[in-house]
Amino acid sequence: MRTRARLLDSALDLIAERGEDGVVLRELTETAGANVAAVSYHFGSLQSLCDAAVEHALERYLAAQQAEMDALAAGSNVEQVAAAFARPMMRALAVGGRDLDVIRIVARAGIDPPETWDRFNASFERIRRDAVKALKPNVPGVSDRELTFRIRAVVGMLNWLVLAPVGAELRNRSEKQIEQRVVPLLAGAMRGATAG
């Protein structure tokens, strides 16, 4: 099992750095301290290993995001909802390392979903439903469909912050500093335009 875990870790690192197309079998196995046959033994193929790494990253991220949404107090305001929704990403930007690797993989998968993406639909739907429920009292008169669109737009903003050069401005800052810069933007998107 240790070899399998090392292969997954190496795949996570390489995918986060270069994307799936940048993963080279020899380099991955050298980094993992394993031989090429170990990939076939544990995963069947390099592609299956990469798929497993992406799925592992998505599972970790969705579990963390759901835990944050579950912890929201009743009557939370838009900023609190935005902070809870984005906390796993903000934390990863602050901590860096493997956490940031996982978030970068999640962001890439969000932009170019893998074939296995559908197996996560129930998790995505639950998180969106929880976010809509928390936002609803704060934005009266806005339909669930519109709130869902706004939440999906926020996901796109978060993915962009993790992958685009502007995200470098947030790295190596405290989670609180990141929250102070990011949450108002996300809350604004969630709140939407106000009639004036």
C-alpha atoms as a PDB file:
ATOM      1  CA  MET A   1       0.000   0.000   0.000  1.00  0.00           C
ATOM      2  CA  ARG A   2       2.881   2.387   0.606  1.00  0.00           C
ATOM      3  CA  THR A   3       3.958   2.122  -3.035  1.00  0.00           C
ATOM      4  CA  ARG A   4       0.413   2.844  -4.180  1.00  0.00           C
ATOM      5  CA  ALA A   5       0.231   5.917  -1.920  1.00  0.00           C
ATOM      6  CA  ARG A   6       3.630   7.171  -3.124  1.00  0.00           C
ATOM      7  CA  LEU A   7       2.523   6.778  -6.746  1.00  0.00           C
ATOM      8  CA  LEU A   8      -0.673   8.743  -6.027  1.00  0.00           C
ATOM      9  CA  ASP A   9       1.302  11.464  -4.236  1.00  0.00           C
ATOM     10  CA  SER A  10       3.771  11.768  -7.106  1.00  0.00           C
ATOM     11  CA  ALA A  11       0.920  11.892  -9.615  1.00  0.00           C
ATOM     12  CA  LEU A  12      -0.774  14.648  -7.572  1.00  0.00           C
ATOM     13  CA  ASP A  13       2.422  16.689  -7.544  1.00  0.00           C
ATOM     14  CA  LEU A  14       3.068  16.314 -11.269  1.00  0.00           C
ATOM     15  CA  ILE A  15      -0.542  16.890 -12.328  1.00  0.00           C
ATOM     16  CA  ALA A  16      -0.740  20.016 -10.150  1.00  0.00           C
ATOM     17  CA  GLU A  17       2.459  21.336 -11.668  1.00  0.00           C
ATOM     18  CA  ARG A  18       1.924  20.432 -15.335  1.00  0.00           C
ATOM     19  CA  GLY A  19      -1.522  18.994 -15.899  1.00  0.00           C
ATOM     20  CA  GLU A  20      -2.186  15.392 -16.859  1.00  0.00           C
ATOM     21  CA  ASP A  21      -0.513  15.747 -20.247  1.00  0.00           C
ATOM     22  CA  GLY A  22       2.745  16.668 -18.496  1.00  0.00           C
ATOM     23  CA  VAL A  23       2.977  13.466 -16.460  1.00  0.00           C
ATOM     24  CA  VAL A  24       5.808  11.237 -17.684  1.00  0.00           C
ATOM     25  CA  LEU A  25       5.842   7.632 -16.456  1.00  0.00           C
ATOM     26  CA  ARG A  26       9.588   7.388 -15.789  1.00  0.00           C
ATOM     27  CA  GLU A  27       9.721  10.662 -13.901  1.00  0.00           C
ATOM     28  CA  LEU A  28       6.653   9.747 -11.857  1.00  0.00           C
ATOM     29  CA  THR A  29       8.054   6.367 -10.830  1.00  0.00           C
ATOM     30  CA  GLU A  30      11.471   7.841 -10.004  1.00  0.00           C
ATOM     31  CA  THR A  31       9.835  10.490  -7.824  1.00  0.00           C
ATOM     32  CA  ALA A  32       7.744   7.812  -6.103  1.00  0.00           C
ATOM     33  CA  GLY A  33      10.716   5.491  -5.621  1.00  0.00           C
ATOM     34  CA  ALA A  34       8.912   2.755  -7.533  1.00  0.00           C
ATOM     35  CA  ASN A  35       9.444   0.846 -10.733  1.00  0.00           C
ATOM     36  CA  VAL A  36       7.395   1.177 -13.896  1.00  0.00           C
ATOM     37  CA  ALA A  37       5.698  -2.186 -13.289  1.00  0.00           C
ATOM     38  CA  ALA A  38       4.236  -0.832 -10.028  1.00  0.00           C
ATOM     39  CA  VAL A  39       1.982   1.524 -11.987  1.00  0.00           C
ATOM     40  CA  SER A  40       0.524  -1.418 -13.934  1.00  0.00           C
ATOM     41  CA  TYR A  41       0.239  -3.534 -10.806  1.00  0.00           C
ATOM     42  CA  HIS A  42      -1.573  -0.915  -8.698  1.00  0.00           C
ATOM     43  CA  PHE A  43      -3.491   1.055 -11.325  1.00  0.00           C
ATOM     44  CA  GLY A  44      -3.372  -0.764 -14.656  1.00  0.00           C
ATOM     45  CA  SER A  45      -1.999   2.190 -16.605  1.00  0.00           C
ATOM     46  CA  LEU A  46      -0.559   5.678 -16.262  1.00  0.00           C
ATOM     47  CA  GLN A  47      -3.919   7.139 -17.332  1.00  0.00           C
ATOM     48  CA  SER A  48      -5.733   5.162 -14.631  1.00  0.00           C
ATOM     49  CA  LEU A  49      -3.229   6.423 -12.059  1.00  0.00           C
ATOM     50  CA  CYS A  50      -3.784  10.020 -13.188  1.00  0.00           C
ATOM     51  CA  ASP A  51      -7.560   9.512 -13.089  1.00  0.00           C
ATOM     52  CA  ALA A  52      -7.292   8.101  -9.562  1.00  0.00           C
ATOM     53  CA  ALA A  53      -5.178  11.083  -8.470  1.00  0.00           C
ATOM     54  CA  VAL A  54      -7.709  13.578  -9.873  1.00  0.00           C
ATOM     55  CA  GLU A  55     -10.590  11.705  -8.230  1.00  0.00           C
ATOM     56  CA  HIS A  56      -8.695  11.631  -4.931  1.00  0.00           C
ATOM     57  CA  ALA A  57      -8.148  15.398  -5.143  1.00  0.00           C
ATOM     58  CA  LEU A  58     -11.834  16.031  -5.922  1.00  0.00           C
ATOM     59  CA  GLU A  59     -12.969  13.814  -3.052  1.00  0.00           C
ATOM     60  CA  ARG A  60     -10.711  15.651  -0.584  1.00  0.00           C
ATOM     61  CA  TYR A  61     -11.825  19.067  -1.786  1.00  0.00           C
ATOM     62  CA  LEU A  62     -15.546  18.272  -1.835  1.00  0.00           C
ATOM     63  CA  ALA A  63     -15.399  16.737   1.646  1.00  0.00           C
ATOM     64  CA  ALA A  64     -13.649  19.853   2.993  1.00  0.00           C
ATOM     65  CA  GLN A  65     -16.103  22.188   1.261  1.00  0.00           C
ATOM     66  CA  GLN A  66     -19.116  20.218   2.502  1.00  0.00           C
ATOM     67  CA  ALA A  67     -17.755  20.292   6.060  1.00  0.00           C
ATOM     68  CA  GLU A  68     -17.459  24.085   5.850  1.00  0.00           C
ATOM     69  CA  MET A  69     -20.992  24.429   4.500  1.00  0.00           C
ATOM     70  CA  ASP A  70     -22.318  22.084   7.213  1.00  0.00           C
ATOM     71  CA  ALA A  71     -20.660  24.256   9.867  1.00  0.00           C
ATOM     72  CA  LEU A  72     -22.470  27.436   8.736  1.00  0.00           C
ATOM     73  CA  ALA A  73     -24.750  28.813  11.396  1.00  0.00           C
ATOM     74  CA  ALA A  74     -28.394  29.464  10.609  1.00  0.00           C
ATOM     75  CA  GLY A  75     -28.881  33.057   9.544  1.00  0.00           C
ATOM     76  CA  SER A  76     -25.370  33.451   8.121  1.00  0.00           C
ATOM     77  CA  ASN A  77     -24.878  36.533   5.961  1.00  0.00           C
ATOM     78  CA  VAL A  78     -23.602  36.495   2.365  1.00  0.00           C
ATOM     79  CA  GLU A  79     -19.991  37.115   3.426  1.00  0.00           C
ATOM     80  CA  GLN A  80     -20.103  34.167   5.829  1.00  0.00           C
ATOM     81  CA  VAL A  81     -21.542  31.923   3.118  1.00  0.00           C
ATOM     82  CA  ALA A  82     -18.863  33.069   0.670  1.00  0.00           C
ATOM     83  CA  ALA A  83     -16.131  32.479   3.257  1.00  0.00           C
ATOM     84  CA  ALA A  84     -17.380  28.973   4.071  1.00  0.00           C
ATOM     85  CA  PHE A  85     -17.755  28.092   0.392  1.00  0.00           C
ATOM     86  CA  ALA A  86     -14.217  29.263  -0.416  1.00  0.00           C
ATOM     87  CA  ARG A  87     -12.413  28.290   2.794  1.00  0.00           C
ATOM     88  CA  PRO A  88     -10.779  25.076   1.474  1.00  0.00           C
ATOM     89  CA  MET A  89      -9.309  27.026  -1.439  1.00  0.00           C
ATOM     90  CA  MET A  90      -8.232  29.970   0.687  1.00  0.00           C
ATOM     91  CA  ARG A  91      -6.627  27.617   3.199  1.00  0.00           C
ATOM     92  CA  ALA A  92      -4.733  25.826   0.419  1.00  0.00           C
ATOM     93  CA  LEU A  93      -3.442  29.123  -0.956  1.00  0.00           C
ATOM     94  CA  ALA A  94      -2.195  30.052   2.521  1.00  0.00           C
ATOM     95  CA  VAL A  95      -0.647  26.674   3.368  1.00  0.00           C
ATOM     96  CA  GLY A  96       0.732  25.731  -0.059  1.00  0.00           C
ATOM     97  CA  GLY A  97       2.378  22.342  -0.553  1.00  0.00           C
ATOM     98  CA  ARG A  98       0.180  19.295  -1.058  1.00  0.00           C
ATOM     99  CA  ASP A  99      -2.979  21.232  -0.158  1.00  0.00           C
ATOM    100  CA  LEU A 100      -2.318  23.688  -2.980  1.00  0.00           C
ATOM    101  CA  ASP A 101      -1.507  20.778  -5.326  1.00  0.00           C
ATOM    102  CA  VAL A 102      -4.909  19.264  -4.584  1.00  0.00           C
ATOM    103  CA  ILE A 103      -6.711  22.573  -5.141  1.00  0.00           C
ATOM    104  CA  ARG A 104      -4.890  23.204  -8.423  1.00  0.00           C
ATOM    105  CA  ILE A 105      -5.975  19.774  -9.639  1.00  0.00           C
ATOM    106  CA  VAL A 106      -9.548  20.510  -8.588  1.00  0.00           C
ATOM    107  CA  ALA A 107      -9.423  23.853 -10.426  1.00  0.00           C
ATOM    108  CA  ARG A 108      -8.089  22.224 -13.594  1.00  0.00           C
ATOM    109  CA  ALA A 109     -10.751  19.521 -13.378  1.00  0.00           C
ATOM    110  CA  GLY A 110     -13.392  22.232 -13.002  1.00  0.00           C
ATOM    111  CA  ILE A 111     -12.248  23.813 -16.240  1.00  0.00           C
ATOM    112  CA  ASP A 112     -11.789  20.539 -18.131  1.00  0.00           C
ATOM    113  CA  PRO A 113     -13.840  17.887 -16.296  1.00  0.00           C
ATOM    114  CA  PRO A 114     -12.607  14.283 -16.474  1.00  0.00           C
ATOM    115  CA  GLU A 115     -14.894  11.544 -17.763  1.00  0.00           C
ATOM    116  CA  THR A 116     -15.510  10.361 -14.202  1.00  0.00           C
ATOM    117  CA  TRP A 117     -16.805  13.806 -13.165  1.00  0.00           C
ATOM    118  CA  ASP A 118     -20.413  12.553 -13.128  1.00  0.00           C
ATOM    119  CA  ARG A 119     -19.763  10.384 -10.086  1.00  0.00           C
ATOM    120  CA  PHE A 120     -19.352  13.611  -8.081  1.00  0.00           C
ATOM    121  CA  ASN A 121     -22.660  15.131  -9.205  1.00  0.00           C
ATOM    122  CA  ALA A 122     -24.439  14.309  -5.935  1.00  0.00           C
ATOM    123  CA  SER A 123     -21.702  16.062  -3.924  1.00  0.00           C
ATOM    124  CA  PHE A 124     -21.731  19.111  -6.205  1.00  0.00           C
ATOM    125  CA  GLU A 125     -25.526  19.300  -6.022  1.00  0.00           C
ATOM    126  CA  ARG A 126     -25.600  19.016  -2.227  1.00  0.00           C
ATOM    127  CA  ILE A 127     -23.028  21.794  -1.790  1.00  0.00           C
ATOM    128  CA  ARG A 128     -24.846  24.058  -4.262  1.00  0.00           C
ATOM    129  CA  ARG A 129     -28.193  23.305  -2.616  1.00  0.00           C
ATOM    130  CA  ASP A 130     -26.724  24.155   0.814  1.00  0.00           C
ATOM    131  CA  ALA A 131     -25.257  27.397  -0.551  1.00  0.00           C
ATOM    132  CA  VAL A 132     -28.570  28.380  -2.182  1.00  0.00           C
ATOM    133  CA  LYS A 133     -30.421  27.648   1.060  1.00  0.00           C
ATOM    134  CA  ALA A 134     -27.960  29.793   3.045  1.00  0.00           C
ATOM    135  CA  LEU A 135     -28.076  32.645   0.511  1.00  0.00           C
ATOM    136  CA  LYS A 136     -31.844  32.717  -0.032  1.00  0.00           C
ATOM    137  CA  PRO A 137     -32.729  34.834   3.055  1.00  0.00           C
ATOM    138  CA  ASN A 138     -30.000  37.336   2.146  1.00  0.00           C
ATOM    139  CA  VAL A 139     -31.098  37.952  -1.443  1.00  0.00           C
ATOM    140  CA  PRO A 140     -34.892  37.984  -1.429  1.00  0.00           C
ATOM    141  CA  GLY A 141     -36.637  37.713  -4.749  1.00  0.00           C
ATOM    142  CA  VAL A 142     -33.756  35.933  -6.480  1.00  0.00           C
ATOM    143  CA  SER A 143     -34.666  32.542  -7.928  1.00  0.00           C
ATOM    144  CA  ASP A 144     -32.866  29.334  -6.994  1.00  0.00           C
ATOM    145  CA  ARG A 145     -31.787  29.028 -10.605  1.00  0.00           C
ATOM    146  CA  GLU A 146     -30.144  32.469 -10.524  1.00  0.00           C
ATOM    147  CA  LEU A 147     -28.456  31.721  -7.186  1.00  0.00           C
ATOM    148  CA  THR A 148     -27.133  28.458  -8.599  1.00  0.00           C
ATOM    149  CA  PHE A 149     -25.720  30.372 -11.568  1.00  0.00           C
ATOM    150  CA  ARG A 150     -24.025  32.847  -9.214  1.00  0.00           C
ATOM    151  CA  ILE A 151     -22.532  30.005  -7.171  1.00  0.00           C
ATOM    152  CA  ARG A 152     -21.178  28.381 -10.329  1.00  0.00           C
ATOM    153  CA  ALA A 153     -19.687  31.747 -11.342  1.00  0.00           C
ATOM    154  CA  VAL A 154     -17.994  31.931  -7.928  1.00  0.00           C
ATOM    155  CA  VAL A 155     -16.515  28.467  -8.554  1.00  0.00           C
ATOM    156  CA  GLY A 156     -15.088  29.794 -11.820  1.00  0.00           C
ATOM    157  CA  MET A 157     -13.584  32.786  -9.999  1.00  0.00           C
ATOM    158  CA  LEU A 158     -11.989  30.493  -7.419  1.00  0.00           C
ATOM    159  CA  ASN A 159     -10.547  28.240 -10.121  1.00  0.00           C
ATOM    160  CA  TRP A 160      -9.108  31.279 -11.866  1.00  0.00           C
ATOM    161  CA  LEU A 161      -7.533  32.571  -8.641  1.00  0.00           C
ATOM    162  CA  VAL A 162      -5.794  29.252  -8.094  1.00  0.00           C
ATOM    163  CA  LEU A 163      -4.514  28.802 -11.651  1.00  0.00           C
ATOM    164  CA  ALA A 164      -3.953  32.301 -13.024  1.00  0.00           C
ATOM    165  CA  PRO A 165      -0.890  34.433 -12.272  1.00  0.00           C
ATOM    166  CA  VAL A 166      -3.010  36.747 -10.095  1.00  0.00           C
ATOM    167  CA  GLY A 167      -3.257  33.880  -7.588  1.00  0.00           C
ATOM    168  CA  ALA A 168       0.455  34.291  -6.887  1.00  0.00           C
ATOM    169  CA  GLU A 169      -0.448  37.572  -5.158  1.00  0.00           C
ATOM    170  CA  LEU A 170      -2.386  35.547  -2.591  1.00  0.00           C
ATOM    171  CA  ARG A 171       0.125  32.774  -1.936  1.00  0.00           C
ATOM    172  CA  ASN A 172       2.288  32.965   1.165  1.00  0.00           C
ATOM    173  CA  ARG A 173      -0.222  35.241   2.862  1.00  0.00           C
ATOM    174  CA  SER A 174      -2.182  34.242   5.923  1.00  0.00           C
ATOM    175  CA  GLU A 175      -5.610  32.721   5.472  1.00  0.00           C
ATOM    176  CA  LYS A 176      -7.081  35.842   7.096  1.00  0.00           C
ATOM    177  CA  GLN A 177      -5.316  38.131   4.589  1.00  0.00           C
ATOM    178  CA  ILE A 178      -6.545  36.001   1.702  1.00  0.00           C
ATOM    179  CA  GLU A 179     -10.055  36.008   3.122  1.00  0.00           C
ATOM    180  CA  GLN A 180     -10.032  39.811   3.381  1.00  0.00           C
ATOM    181  CA  ARG A 181      -9.225  40.105  -0.331  1.00  0.00           C
ATOM    182  CA  VAL A 182     -11.284  37.241  -1.749  1.00  0.00           C
ATOM    183  CA  VAL A 183     -14.502  37.083   0.282  1.00  0.00           C
ATOM    184  CA  PRO A 184     -15.804  40.560  -0.698  1.00  0.00           C
ATOM    185  CA  LEU A 185     -15.423  39.627  -4.383  1.00  0.00           C
ATOM    186  CA  LEU A 186     -17.207  36.318  -3.960  1.00  0.00           C
ATOM    187  CA  ALA A 187     -19.919  37.824  -1.772  1.00  0.00           C
ATOM    188  CA  GLY A 188     -20.500  40.498  -4.417  1.00  0.00           C
ATOM    189  CA  ALA A 189     -20.980  37.818  -7.067  1.00  0.00           C
ATOM    190  CA  MET A 190     -23.311  35.872  -4.800  1.00  0.00           C
ATOM    191  CA  ARG A 191     -25.288  38.984  -3.882  1.00  0.00           C
ATOM    192  CA  GLY A 192     -25.498  40.182  -7.481  1.00  0.00           C
ATOM    193  CA  ALA A 193     -26.620  43.584  -8.678  1.00  0.00           C
ATOM    194  CA  THR A 194     -28.972  45.484  -6.471  1.00  0.00           C
ATOM    195  CA  ALA A 195     -31.832  47.511  -7.852  1.00  0.00           C
ATOM    196  CA  GLY A 196     -31.137  51.145  -7.373  1.00  0.00           C
END
